[in-house]
Amino acid sequence: MKQKKQSSTDFDCIAVTDVKVTVFPELPGAAYVKGTAEVVLNDQFIVRGLRILDGTTGLFVSYPGDPWSEYPCSIAQPITRQLRKHIENCILEKYQEEREE
């Protein structure tokens, strides 16, 4: 029996249930790393080692990489653009809140 291929809408139940952000102090000539974050998905899965970076087009989230890999590669990352955007928005909103405090 052939299994039906799952579409991206089958995974809409993934939710960011907690976000923790560490904001790095603003220093003159500071690096492009603005902070770190961790997210909890569905109160069941945690992703640590996310970095908040300031790039040429603004802030974005970088996923944890494998330090022993010969080539740059992420250890964990969303597969769909929709989930990536959802996680990034949650992290950047929390980052802005923490900066304002």
C-alpha atoms as a PDB file:
ATOM      1  CA  MET A   1       0.000   0.000   0.000  1.00  0.00           C
ATOM      2  CA  LYS A   2       1.388   3.374  -1.035  1.00  0.00           C
ATOM      3  CA  GLN A   3       1.531   6.105   1.624  1.00  0.00           C
ATOM      4  CA  LYS A   4       0.138   9.535   0.851  1.00  0.00           C
ATOM      5  CA  LYS A   5       2.802  12.242   0.789  1.00  0.00           C
ATOM      6  CA  GLN A   6       2.212  14.796   3.533  1.00  0.00           C
ATOM      7  CA  SER A   7       1.787  18.420   2.559  1.00  0.00           C
ATOM      8  CA  SER A   8       3.207  21.377   4.481  1.00  0.00           C
ATOM      9  CA  THR A   9      -0.259  22.187   5.858  1.00  0.00           C
ATOM     10  CA  ASP A  10      -0.220  18.844   7.727  1.00  0.00           C
ATOM     11  CA  PHE A  11       2.397  20.340  10.093  1.00  0.00           C
ATOM     12  CA  ASP A  12       0.583  23.535  11.081  1.00  0.00           C
ATOM     13  CA  CYS A  13       0.216  22.145  14.616  1.00  0.00           C
ATOM     14  CA  ILE A  14       3.819  23.119  15.471  1.00  0.00           C
ATOM     15  CA  ALA A  15       3.749  26.112  17.773  1.00  0.00           C
ATOM     16  CA  VAL A  16       6.441  28.099  19.530  1.00  0.00           C
ATOM     17  CA  THR A  17       5.410  27.767  23.186  1.00  0.00           C
ATOM     18  CA  ASP A  18       8.382  29.482  24.841  1.00  0.00           C
ATOM     19  CA  VAL A  19      11.223  31.773  23.794  1.00  0.00           C
ATOM     20  CA  LYS A  20      14.251  32.802  25.828  1.00  0.00           C
ATOM     21  CA  VAL A  21      16.548  35.531  24.523  1.00  0.00           C
ATOM     22  CA  THR A  22      19.881  36.842  25.758  1.00  0.00           C
ATOM     23  CA  VAL A  23      20.570  40.324  24.412  1.00  0.00           C
ATOM     24  CA  PHE A  24      24.220  41.276  24.030  1.00  0.00           C
ATOM     25  CA  PRO A  25      25.132  44.837  25.108  1.00  0.00           C
ATOM     26  CA  GLU A  26      25.358  47.469  22.385  1.00  0.00           C
ATOM     27  CA  LEU A  27      28.989  48.456  22.068  1.00  0.00           C
ATOM     28  CA  PRO A  28      30.679  50.736  19.513  1.00  0.00           C
ATOM     29  CA  GLY A  29      32.003  48.583  16.693  1.00  0.00           C
ATOM     30  CA  ALA A  30      30.141  45.569  18.116  1.00  0.00           C
ATOM     31  CA  ALA A  31      29.980  42.422  16.055  1.00  0.00           C
ATOM     32  CA  TYR A  32      26.943  41.528  14.021  1.00  0.00           C
ATOM     33  CA  VAL A  33      25.810  38.979  16.662  1.00  0.00           C
ATOM     34  CA  LYS A  34      23.139  40.791  18.687  1.00  0.00           C
ATOM     35  CA  GLY A  35      22.078  37.939  20.967  1.00  0.00           C
ATOM     36  CA  THR A  36      21.227  34.282  21.397  1.00  0.00           C
ATOM     37  CA  ALA A  37      17.933  32.452  21.759  1.00  0.00           C
ATOM     38  CA  GLU A  38      16.307  29.147  22.496  1.00  0.00           C
ATOM     39  CA  VAL A  39      12.791  28.075  21.528  1.00  0.00           C
ATOM     40  CA  VAL A  40      10.458  25.398  22.810  1.00  0.00           C
ATOM     41  CA  LEU A  41       8.096  23.816  20.290  1.00  0.00           C
ATOM     42  CA  ASN A  42       4.763  22.407  21.508  1.00  0.00           C
ATOM     43  CA  ASP A  43       6.132  22.273  25.085  1.00  0.00           C
ATOM     44  CA  GLN A  44       8.027  19.149  23.962  1.00  0.00           C
ATOM     45  CA  PHE A  45      11.094  20.018  21.885  1.00  0.00           C
ATOM     46  CA  ILE A  46      13.793  22.616  22.611  1.00  0.00           C
ATOM     47  CA  VAL A  47      16.233  24.155  20.141  1.00  0.00           C
ATOM     48  CA  ARG A  48      19.218  25.938  21.709  1.00  0.00           C
ATOM     49  CA  GLY A  49      22.077  27.804  20.114  1.00  0.00           C
ATOM     50  CA  LEU A  50      20.050  30.099  17.857  1.00  0.00           C
ATOM     51  CA  ARG A  51      21.811  33.392  17.136  1.00  0.00           C
ATOM     52  CA  ILE A  52      20.247  36.770  16.421  1.00  0.00           C
ATOM     53  CA  LEU A  53      22.328  38.432  13.733  1.00  0.00           C
ATOM     54  CA  ASP A  54      22.283  41.859  12.102  1.00  0.00           C
ATOM     55  CA  GLY A  55      22.779  41.423   8.379  1.00  0.00           C
ATOM     56  CA  THR A  56      22.652  43.740   5.388  1.00  0.00           C
ATOM     57  CA  THR A  57      18.836  43.439   5.251  1.00  0.00           C
ATOM     58  CA  GLY A  58      18.227  43.657   9.011  1.00  0.00           C
ATOM     59  CA  LEU A  59      17.896  41.212  11.869  1.00  0.00           C
ATOM     60  CA  PHE A  60      17.575  37.485  11.219  1.00  0.00           C
ATOM     61  CA  VAL A  61      17.922  34.196  13.091  1.00  0.00           C
ATOM     62  CA  SER A  62      20.731  31.736  12.451  1.00  0.00           C
ATOM     63  CA  TYR A  63      20.359  28.088  13.438  1.00  0.00           C
ATOM     64  CA  PRO A  64      22.958  26.104  15.399  1.00  0.00           C
ATOM     65  CA  GLY A  65      25.703  24.606  13.276  1.00  0.00           C
ATOM     66  CA  ASP A  66      27.812  21.495  13.546  1.00  0.00           C
ATOM     67  CA  PRO A  67      31.243  22.664  14.783  1.00  0.00           C
ATOM     68  CA  TRP A  68      32.954  19.462  13.604  1.00  0.00           C
ATOM     69  CA  SER A  69      31.604  19.508  10.080  1.00  0.00           C
ATOM     70  CA  GLU A  70      34.015  20.192   7.244  1.00  0.00           C
ATOM     71  CA  TYR A  71      31.304  22.287   5.565  1.00  0.00           C
ATOM     72  CA  PRO A  72      28.906  24.718   7.250  1.00  0.00           C
ATOM     73  CA  CYS A  73      25.659  22.914   8.040  1.00  0.00           C
ATOM     74  CA  SER A  74      22.844  23.349  10.553  1.00  0.00           C
ATOM     75  CA  ILE A  75      22.133  20.747  13.197  1.00  0.00           C
ATOM     76  CA  ALA A  76      18.445  21.645  13.342  1.00  0.00           C
ATOM     77  CA  GLN A  77      16.409  23.862  11.079  1.00  0.00           C
ATOM     78  CA  PRO A  78      12.832  24.214   9.836  1.00  0.00           C
ATOM     79  CA  ILE A  79      12.168  22.661   6.466  1.00  0.00           C
ATOM     80  CA  THR A  80       9.247  24.866   5.449  1.00  0.00           C
ATOM     81  CA  ARG A  81       9.474  28.605   4.895  1.00  0.00           C
ATOM     82  CA  GLN A  82       6.265  29.027   6.896  1.00  0.00           C
ATOM     83  CA  LEU A  83       7.701  27.441  10.059  1.00  0.00           C
ATOM     84  CA  ARG A  84      11.036  29.269   9.662  1.00  0.00           C
ATOM     85  CA  LYS A  85       9.209  32.615   9.447  1.00  0.00           C
ATOM     86  CA  HIS A  86       7.015  31.752  12.451  1.00  0.00           C
ATOM     87  CA  ILE A  87      10.013  30.879  14.648  1.00  0.00           C
ATOM     88  CA  GLU A  88      11.999  33.912  13.465  1.00  0.00           C
ATOM     89  CA  ASN A  89       9.091  36.279  14.171  1.00  0.00           C
ATOM     90  CA  CYS A  90       8.639  34.888  17.700  1.00  0.00           C
ATOM     91  CA  ILE A  91      12.359  35.236  18.461  1.00  0.00           C
ATOM     92  CA  LEU A  92      12.707  38.748  17.017  1.00  0.00           C
ATOM     93  CA  GLU A  93       9.589  39.971  18.856  1.00  0.00           C
ATOM     94  CA  LYS A  94      11.029  38.675  22.145  1.00  0.00           C
ATOM     95  CA  TYR A  95      14.410  40.237  21.275  1.00  0.00           C
ATOM     96  CA  GLN A  96      12.789  43.667  20.762  1.00  0.00           C
ATOM     97  CA  GLU A  97      10.892  43.313  24.077  1.00  0.00           C
ATOM     98  CA  GLU A  98      14.100  42.428  25.939  1.00  0.00           C
ATOM     99  CA  ARG A  99      15.999  45.347  24.374  1.00  0.00           C
ATOM    100  CA  GLU A 100      13.324  47.814  25.472  1.00  0.00           C
ATOM    101  CA  GLU A 101      13.497  46.694  29.110  1.00  0.00           C
END
